[in-house]
Amino acid sequence: MAGNFINCVMSFYKEKNWKAIVSRYHDHPERNKLLWVFPAEENFEFLRENLFKLGCDSVLSIGCGSGLLEWVITEATDSMA
């Protein structure tokens, strides 16, 4: 089951479909295998709006995970530019 979950997420990642990852796997029982926190789309909208208001064009990651969260943040906030 875990392999299927990871393969599905990777498939959406390759399609650059961050919204499918967030909406389909937000409450998935195995979500913590890829992200320790799984924000909802509204959370990314909040980030996008506030990063724009603050004039921020990047977010620093300390690199202690899969990179999926950083990728979703980048995809969700780049659409604002």
PDB file of N, CA and C in Angstrom:
ATOM      1  N   MET A   1       0.818  -1.194   0.000  1.00  0.00           N
ATOM      2  CA  MET A   1       0.000   0.000   0.000  1.00  0.00           C
ATOM      3  C   MET A   1       0.863   1.260   0.000  1.00  0.00           C
ATOM      4  N   ALA A   2       1.956   1.289   0.784  1.00  0.00           N
ATOM      5  CA  ALA A   2       2.814   2.476   0.854  1.00  0.00           C
ATOM      6  C   ALA A   2       3.431   2.773  -0.497  1.00  0.00           C
ATOM      7  N   GLY A   3       3.867   1.733  -1.204  1.00  0.00           N
ATOM      8  CA  GLY A   3       4.450   1.935  -2.523  1.00  0.00           C
ATOM      9  C   GLY A   3       3.463   2.567  -3.475  1.00  0.00           C
ATOM     10  N   ASN A   4       2.214   2.147  -3.414  1.00  0.00           N
ATOM     11  CA  ASN A   4       1.174   2.709  -4.266  1.00  0.00           C
ATOM     12  C   ASN A   4       0.947   4.184  -3.942  1.00  0.00           C
ATOM     13  N   PHE A   5       0.895   4.512  -2.669  1.00  0.00           N
ATOM     14  CA  PHE A   5       0.721   5.890  -2.235  1.00  0.00           C
ATOM     15  C   PHE A   5       1.859   6.760  -2.757  1.00  0.00           C
ATOM     16  N   ILE A   6       3.078   6.324  -2.543  1.00  0.00           N
ATOM     17  CA  ILE A   6       4.243   7.086  -2.979  1.00  0.00           C
ATOM     18  C   ILE A   6       4.273   7.207  -4.496  1.00  0.00           C
ATOM     19  N   ASN A   7       3.956   6.139  -5.199  1.00  0.00           N
ATOM     20  CA  ASN A   7       3.923   6.195  -6.667  1.00  0.00           C
ATOM     21  C   ASN A   7       2.879   7.176  -7.171  1.00  0.00           C
ATOM     22  N   CYS A   8       1.723   7.213  -6.533  1.00  0.00           N
ATOM     23  CA  CYS A   8       0.671   8.160  -6.933  1.00  0.00           C
ATOM     24  C   CYS A   8       1.115   9.595  -6.695  1.00  0.00           C
ATOM     25  N   VAL A   9       1.705   9.863  -5.547  1.00  0.00           N
ATOM     26  CA  VAL A   9       2.189  11.212  -5.257  1.00  0.00           C
ATOM     27  C   VAL A   9       3.280  11.597  -6.254  1.00  0.00           C
ATOM     28  N   MET A  10       4.189  10.675  -6.534  1.00  0.00           N
ATOM     29  CA  MET A  10       5.257  10.961  -7.498  1.00  0.00           C
ATOM     30  C   MET A  10       4.701  11.232  -8.889  1.00  0.00           C
ATOM     31  N   SER A  11       3.652  10.543  -9.244  1.00  0.00           N
ATOM     32  CA  SER A  11       3.017  10.767 -10.543  1.00  0.00           C
ATOM     33  C   SER A  11       2.458  12.187 -10.627  1.00  0.00           C
ATOM     34  N   PHE A  12       1.762  12.616  -9.576  1.00  0.00           N
ATOM     35  CA  PHE A  12       1.248  13.991  -9.547  1.00  0.00           C
ATOM     36  C   PHE A  12       2.385  15.003  -9.527  1.00  0.00           C
ATOM     37  N   TYR A  13       3.465  14.668  -8.833  1.00  0.00           N
ATOM     38  CA  TYR A  13       4.639  15.544  -8.787  1.00  0.00           C
ATOM     39  C   TYR A  13       5.204  15.737 -10.192  1.00  0.00           C
ATOM     40  N   LYS A  14       5.341  14.664 -10.915  1.00  0.00           N
ATOM     41  CA  LYS A  14       5.879  14.744 -12.278  1.00  0.00           C
ATOM     42  C   LYS A  14       4.966  15.553 -13.199  1.00  0.00           C
ATOM     43  N   GLU A  15       3.668  15.534 -12.910  1.00  0.00           N
ATOM     44  CA  GLU A  15       2.707  16.312 -13.696  1.00  0.00           C
ATOM     45  C   GLU A  15       2.618  17.767 -13.207  1.00  0.00           C
ATOM     46  N   LYS A  16       3.383  18.079 -12.141  1.00  0.00           N
ATOM     47  CA  LYS A  16       3.341  19.403 -11.500  1.00  0.00           C
ATOM     48  C   LYS A  16       1.931  19.730 -10.998  1.00  0.00           C
ATOM     49  N   ASN A  17       1.246  18.719 -10.490  1.00  0.00           N
ATOM     50  CA  ASN A  17      -0.120  18.859 -10.013  1.00  0.00           C
ATOM     51  C   ASN A  17      -0.142  18.873  -8.486  1.00  0.00           C
ATOM     52  N   TRP A  18       0.322  19.970  -7.914  1.00  0.00           N
ATOM     53  CA  TRP A  18       0.390  20.066  -6.461  1.00  0.00           C
ATOM     54  C   TRP A  18      -0.989  20.043  -5.819  1.00  0.00           C
ATOM     55  N   LYS A  19      -1.985  20.588  -6.508  1.00  0.00           N
ATOM     56  CA  LYS A  19      -3.333  20.622  -5.932  1.00  0.00           C
ATOM     57  C   LYS A  19      -3.897  19.212  -5.739  1.00  0.00           C
ATOM     58  N   ALA A  20      -3.608  18.304  -6.657  1.00  0.00           N
ATOM     59  CA  ALA A  20      -4.077  16.915  -6.506  1.00  0.00           C
ATOM     60  C   ALA A  20      -3.416  16.254  -5.306  1.00  0.00           C
ATOM     61  N   ILE A  21      -2.132  16.517  -5.111  1.00  0.00           N
ATOM     62  CA  ILE A  21      -1.435  15.941  -3.957  1.00  0.00           C
ATOM     63  C   ILE A  21      -2.058  16.449  -2.665  1.00  0.00           C
ATOM     64  N   VAL A  22      -2.249  17.754  -2.586  1.00  0.00           N
ATOM     65  CA  VAL A  22      -2.784  18.356  -1.357  1.00  0.00           C
ATOM     66  C   VAL A  22      -4.212  17.895  -1.091  1.00  0.00           C
ATOM     67  N   SER A  23      -5.055  17.906  -2.115  1.00  0.00           N
ATOM     68  CA  SER A  23      -6.466  17.571  -1.875  1.00  0.00           C
ATOM     69  C   SER A  23      -6.696  16.081  -1.656  1.00  0.00           C
ATOM     70  N   ARG A  24      -6.012  15.244  -2.393  1.00  0.00           N
ATOM     71  CA  ARG A  24      -6.261  13.793  -2.274  1.00  0.00           C
ATOM     72  C   ARG A  24      -5.599  13.156  -1.074  1.00  0.00           C
ATOM     73  N   TYR A  25      -4.475  13.705  -0.633  1.00  0.00           N
ATOM     74  CA  TYR A  25      -3.701  13.024   0.405  1.00  0.00           C
ATOM     75  C   TYR A  25      -3.624  13.785   1.716  1.00  0.00           C
ATOM     76  N   HIS A  26      -4.397  14.864   1.847  1.00  0.00           N
ATOM     77  CA  HIS A  26      -4.385  15.655   3.078  1.00  0.00           C
ATOM     78  C   HIS A  26      -4.667  14.810   4.309  1.00  0.00           C
ATOM     79  N   ASP A  27      -5.611  13.898   4.217  1.00  0.00           N
ATOM     80  CA  ASP A  27      -5.973  13.050   5.356  1.00  0.00           C
ATOM     81  C   ASP A  27      -5.608  11.580   5.153  1.00  0.00           C
ATOM     82  N   HIS A  28      -4.750  11.302   4.198  1.00  0.00           N
ATOM     83  CA  HIS A  28      -4.356   9.919   3.911  1.00  0.00           C
ATOM     84  C   HIS A  28      -3.577   9.352   5.105  1.00  0.00           C
ATOM     85  N   PRO A  29      -3.856   8.110   5.497  1.00  0.00           N
ATOM     86  CA  PRO A  29      -3.192   7.543   6.680  1.00  0.00           C
ATOM     87  C   PRO A  29      -1.676   7.391   6.537  1.00  0.00           C
ATOM     88  N   GLU A  30      -1.146   7.387   5.316  1.00  0.00           N
ATOM     89  CA  GLU A  30       0.295   7.223   5.123  1.00  0.00           C
ATOM     90  C   GLU A  30       0.988   8.522   4.727  1.00  0.00           C
ATOM     91  N   ARG A  31       0.290   9.641   4.834  1.00  0.00           N
ATOM     92  CA  ARG A  31       0.839  10.915   4.368  1.00  0.00           C
ATOM     93  C   ARG A  31       2.142  11.285   5.061  1.00  0.00           C
ATOM     94  N   ASN A  32       2.330  10.877   6.303  1.00  0.00           N
ATOM     95  CA  ASN A  32       3.534  11.228   7.046  1.00  0.00           C
ATOM     96  C   ASN A  32       4.788  10.545   6.519  1.00  0.00           C
ATOM     97  N   LYS A  33       4.630   9.622   5.601  1.00  0.00           N
ATOM     98  CA  LYS A  33       5.808   9.004   4.997  1.00  0.00           C
ATOM     99  C   LYS A  33       6.515   9.981   4.060  1.00  0.00           C
ATOM    100  N   LEU A  34       5.788  10.986   3.587  1.00  0.00           N
ATOM    101  CA  LEU A  34       6.372  11.982   2.688  1.00  0.00           C
ATOM    102  C   LEU A  34       6.443  13.372   3.294  1.00  0.00           C
ATOM    103  N   LEU A  35       5.501  13.713   4.143  1.00  0.00           N
ATOM    104  CA  LEU A  35       5.467  15.027   4.792  1.00  0.00           C
ATOM    105  C   LEU A  35       5.040  14.858   6.231  1.00  0.00           C
ATOM    106  N   TRP A  36       5.696  15.552   7.150  1.00  0.00           N
ATOM    107  CA  TRP A  36       5.270  15.475   8.549  1.00  0.00           C
ATOM    108  C   TRP A  36       4.062  16.362   8.787  1.00  0.00           C
ATOM    109  N   VAL A  37       3.847  17.337   7.917  1.00  0.00           N
ATOM    110  CA  VAL A  37       2.664  18.190   7.987  1.00  0.00           C
ATOM    111  C   VAL A  37       2.068  18.224   6.586  1.00  0.00           C
ATOM    112  N   PHE A  38       0.782  18.179   6.487  1.00  0.00           N
ATOM    113  CA  PHE A  38       0.124  18.172   5.175  1.00  0.00           C
ATOM    114  C   PHE A  38      -0.897  19.298   5.136  1.00  0.00           C
ATOM    115  N   PRO A  39      -0.455  20.509   4.774  1.00  0.00           N
ATOM    116  CA  PRO A  39      -1.365  21.660   4.748  1.00  0.00           C
ATOM    117  C   PRO A  39      -2.477  21.492   3.720  1.00  0.00           C
ATOM    118  N   ALA A  40      -3.564  22.199   3.946  1.00  0.00           N
ATOM    119  CA  ALA A  40      -4.670  22.235   2.996  1.00  0.00           C
ATOM    120  C   ALA A  40      -4.401  23.326   1.964  1.00  0.00           C
ATOM    121  N   GLU A  41      -5.140  23.307   0.871  1.00  0.00           N
ATOM    122  CA  GLU A  41      -4.958  24.302  -0.177  1.00  0.00           C
ATOM    123  C   GLU A  41      -5.144  25.718   0.371  1.00  0.00           C
ATOM    124  N   GLU A  42      -6.060  25.901   1.303  1.00  0.00           N
ATOM    125  CA  GLU A  42      -6.276  27.219   1.895  1.00  0.00           C
ATOM    126  C   GLU A  42      -5.013  27.736   2.594  1.00  0.00           C
ATOM    127  N   ASN A  43      -4.241  26.819   3.196  1.00  0.00           N
ATOM    128  CA  ASN A  43      -2.998  27.220   3.847  1.00  0.00           C
ATOM    129  C   ASN A  43      -1.998  27.763   2.835  1.00  0.00           C
ATOM    130  N   PHE A  44      -1.951  27.144   1.670  1.00  0.00           N
ATOM    131  CA  PHE A  44      -1.042  27.624   0.633  1.00  0.00           C
ATOM    132  C   PHE A  44      -1.514  28.952   0.052  1.00  0.00           C
ATOM    133  N   GLU A  45      -2.810  29.142  -0.016  1.00  0.00           N
ATOM    134  CA  GLU A  45      -3.347  30.439  -0.456  1.00  0.00           C
ATOM    135  C   GLU A  45      -2.947  31.528   0.539  1.00  0.00           C
ATOM    136  N   PHE A  46      -3.044  31.224   1.824  1.00  0.00           N
ATOM    137  CA  PHE A  46      -2.626  32.159   2.872  1.00  0.00           C
ATOM    138  C   PHE A  46      -1.149  32.506   2.712  1.00  0.00           C
ATOM    139  N   LEU A  47      -0.313  31.490   2.523  1.00  0.00           N
ATOM    140  CA  LEU A  47       1.123  31.725   2.325  1.00  0.00           C
ATOM    141  C   LEU A  47       1.371  32.603   1.103  1.00  0.00           C
ATOM    142  N   ARG A  48       0.740  32.252  -0.003  1.00  0.00           N
ATOM    143  CA  ARG A  48       0.932  32.998  -1.249  1.00  0.00           C
ATOM    144  C   ARG A  48       0.567  34.473  -1.046  1.00  0.00           C
ATOM    145  N   GLU A  49      -0.586  34.730  -0.474  1.00  0.00           N
ATOM    146  CA  GLU A  49      -1.042  36.100  -0.270  1.00  0.00           C
ATOM    147  C   GLU A  49      -0.098  36.884   0.639  1.00  0.00           C
ATOM    148  N   ASN A  50       0.330  36.262   1.724  1.00  0.00           N
ATOM    149  CA  ASN A  50       1.166  36.971   2.678  1.00  0.00           C
ATOM    150  C   ASN A  50       2.610  37.108   2.228  1.00  0.00           C
ATOM    151  N   LEU A  51       3.132  36.134   1.524  1.00  0.00           N
ATOM    152  CA  LEU A  51       4.472  36.292   0.959  1.00  0.00           C
ATOM    153  C   LEU A  51       4.482  37.437  -0.046  1.00  0.00           C
ATOM    154  N   PHE A  52       3.410  37.536  -0.837  1.00  0.00           N
ATOM    155  CA  PHE A  52       3.291  38.625  -1.803  1.00  0.00           C
ATOM    156  C   PHE A  52       3.212  39.976  -1.084  1.00  0.00           C
ATOM    157  N   LYS A  53       2.374  40.064  -0.057  1.00  0.00           N
ATOM    158  CA  LYS A  53       2.228  41.313   0.701  1.00  0.00           C
ATOM    159  C   LYS A  53       3.544  41.747   1.323  1.00  0.00           C
ATOM    160  N   LEU A  54       4.330  40.773   1.791  1.00  0.00           N
ATOM    161  CA  LEU A  54       5.598  41.080   2.451  1.00  0.00           C
ATOM    162  C   LEU A  54       6.750  41.288   1.469  1.00  0.00           C
ATOM    163  N   GLY A  55       6.490  41.023   0.198  1.00  0.00           N
ATOM    164  CA  GLY A  55       7.535  41.187  -0.807  1.00  0.00           C
ATOM    165  C   GLY A  55       8.575  40.074  -0.800  1.00  0.00           C
ATOM    166  N   CYS A  56       8.213  38.921  -0.269  1.00  0.00           N
ATOM    167  CA  CYS A  56       9.139  37.778  -0.224  1.00  0.00           C
ATOM    168  C   CYS A  56       9.076  37.022  -1.548  1.00  0.00           C
ATOM    169  N   ASP A  57      10.238  36.691  -2.068  1.00  0.00           N
ATOM    170  CA  ASP A  57      10.254  35.934  -3.316  1.00  0.00           C
ATOM    171  C   ASP A  57      10.850  34.546  -3.148  1.00  0.00           C
ATOM    172  N   SER A  58      11.163  34.163  -1.895  1.00  0.00           N
ATOM    173  CA  SER A  58      11.689  32.819  -1.659  1.00  0.00           C
ATOM    174  C   SER A  58      11.459  32.425  -0.204  1.00  0.00           C
ATOM    175  N   VAL A  59      11.563  31.117   0.032  1.00  0.00           N
ATOM    176  CA  VAL A  59      11.432  30.552   1.369  1.00  0.00           C
ATOM    177  C   VAL A  59      12.645  29.666   1.593  1.00  0.00           C
ATOM    178  N   LEU A  60      13.283  29.799   2.738  1.00  0.00           N
ATOM    179  CA  LEU A  60      14.473  29.020   3.059  1.00  0.00           C
ATOM    180  C   LEU A  60      14.076  27.689   3.688  1.00  0.00           C
ATOM    181  N   SER A  61      14.654  26.611   3.194  1.00  0.00           N
ATOM    182  CA  SER A  61      14.437  25.284   3.759  1.00  0.00           C
ATOM    183  C   SER A  61      15.728  24.806   4.395  1.00  0.00           C
ATOM    184  N   ILE A  62      15.618  24.188   5.565  1.00  0.00           N
ATOM    185  CA  ILE A  62      16.824  23.668   6.213  1.00  0.00           C
ATOM    186  C   ILE A  62      17.149  22.258   5.743  1.00  0.00           C
ATOM    187  N   GLY A  63      16.305  21.690   4.900  1.00  0.00           N
ATOM    188  CA  GLY A  63      16.633  20.429   4.246  1.00  0.00           C
ATOM    189  C   GLY A  63      16.551  19.189   5.110  1.00  0.00           C
ATOM    190  N   CYS A  64      15.496  19.025   5.864  1.00  0.00           N
ATOM    191  CA  CYS A  64      15.381  17.824   6.698  1.00  0.00           C
ATOM    192  C   CYS A  64      14.124  17.026   6.355  1.00  0.00           C
ATOM    193  N   GLY A  65      13.845  16.894   5.079  1.00  0.00           N
ATOM    194  CA  GLY A  65      12.675  16.122   4.658  1.00  0.00           C
ATOM    195  C   GLY A  65      12.826  15.697   3.212  1.00  0.00           C
ATOM    196  N   SER A  66      11.717  15.330   2.632  1.00  0.00           N
ATOM    197  CA  SER A  66      11.744  14.829   1.252  1.00  0.00           C
ATOM    198  C   SER A  66      11.838  15.947   0.219  1.00  0.00           C
ATOM    199  N   GLY A  67      11.546  17.186   0.622  1.00  0.00           N
ATOM    200  CA  GLY A  67      11.514  18.303  -0.309  1.00  0.00           C
ATOM    201  C   GLY A  67      10.144  18.533  -0.920  1.00  0.00           C
ATOM    202  N   LEU A  68       9.205  17.654  -0.637  1.00  0.00           N
ATOM    203  CA  LEU A  68       7.869  17.763  -1.214  1.00  0.00           C
ATOM    204  C   LEU A  68       7.160  19.033  -0.742  1.00  0.00           C
ATOM    205  N   LEU A  69       7.260  19.349   0.541  1.00  0.00           N
ATOM    206  CA  LEU A  69       6.607  20.550   1.062  1.00  0.00           C
ATOM    207  C   LEU A  69       7.163  21.800   0.383  1.00  0.00           C
ATOM    208  N   GLU A  70       8.476  21.873   0.242  1.00  0.00           N
ATOM    209  CA  GLU A  70       9.096  23.022  -0.399  1.00  0.00           C
ATOM    210  C   GLU A  70       8.655  23.140  -1.851  1.00  0.00           C
ATOM    211  N   TRP A  71       8.557  22.017  -2.520  1.00  0.00           N
ATOM    212  CA  TRP A  71       8.118  22.020  -3.914  1.00  0.00           C
ATOM    213  C   TRP A  71       6.671  22.519  -4.011  1.00  0.00           C
ATOM    214  N   VAL A  72       5.798  22.024  -3.137  1.00  0.00           N
ATOM    215  CA  VAL A  72       4.399  22.461  -3.166  1.00  0.00           C
ATOM    216  C   VAL A  72       4.315  23.958  -2.861  1.00  0.00           C
ATOM    217  N   ILE A  73       5.073  24.442  -1.888  1.00  0.00           N
ATOM    218  CA  ILE A  73       5.073  25.872  -1.585  1.00  0.00           C
ATOM    219  C   ILE A  73       5.514  26.666  -2.807  1.00  0.00           C
ATOM    220  N   THR A  74       6.569  26.223  -3.472  1.00  0.00           N
ATOM    221  CA  THR A  74       7.062  26.908  -4.671  1.00  0.00           C
ATOM    222  C   THR A  74       6.004  26.928  -5.759  1.00  0.00           C
ATOM    223  N   GLU A  75       5.387  25.780  -6.020  1.00  0.00           N
ATOM    224  CA  GLU A  75       4.364  25.696  -7.058  1.00  0.00           C
ATOM    225  C   GLU A  75       3.155  26.569  -6.698  1.00  0.00           C
ATOM    226  N   ALA A  76       2.748  26.519  -5.443  1.00  0.00           N
ATOM    227  CA  ALA A  76       1.543  27.253  -5.025  1.00  0.00           C
ATOM    228  C   ALA A  76       1.782  28.762  -5.002  1.00  0.00           C
ATOM    229  N   THR A  77       2.986  29.193  -4.696  1.00  0.00           N
ATOM    230  CA  THR A  77       3.244  30.632  -4.602  1.00  0.00           C
ATOM    231  C   THR A  77       3.741  31.225  -5.908  1.00  0.00           C
ATOM    232  N   ASP A  78       4.339  30.449  -6.792  1.00  0.00           N
ATOM    233  CA  ASP A  78       4.801  30.972  -8.078  1.00  0.00           C
ATOM    234  C   ASP A  78       3.644  31.388  -8.966  1.00  0.00           C
ATOM    235  N   SER A  79       2.481  30.769  -8.763  1.00  0.00           N
ATOM    236  CA  SER A  79       1.342  31.120  -9.593  1.00  0.00           C
ATOM    237  C   SER A  79       0.869  32.547  -9.340  1.00  0.00           C
ATOM    238  N   MET A  80       1.330  33.140  -8.246  1.00  0.00           N
ATOM    239  CA  MET A  80       0.957  34.516  -7.911  1.00  0.00           C
ATOM    240  C   MET A  80       1.744  35.517  -8.726  1.00  0.00           C
ATOM    241  N   ALA A  81       2.951  35.152  -9.110  1.00  0.00           N
ATOM    242  CA  ALA A  81       3.854  36.102  -9.798  1.00  0.00           C
ATOM    243  C   ALA A  81       3.322  36.532 -11.147  1.00  0.00           C
TER     244      ALA A  81
END
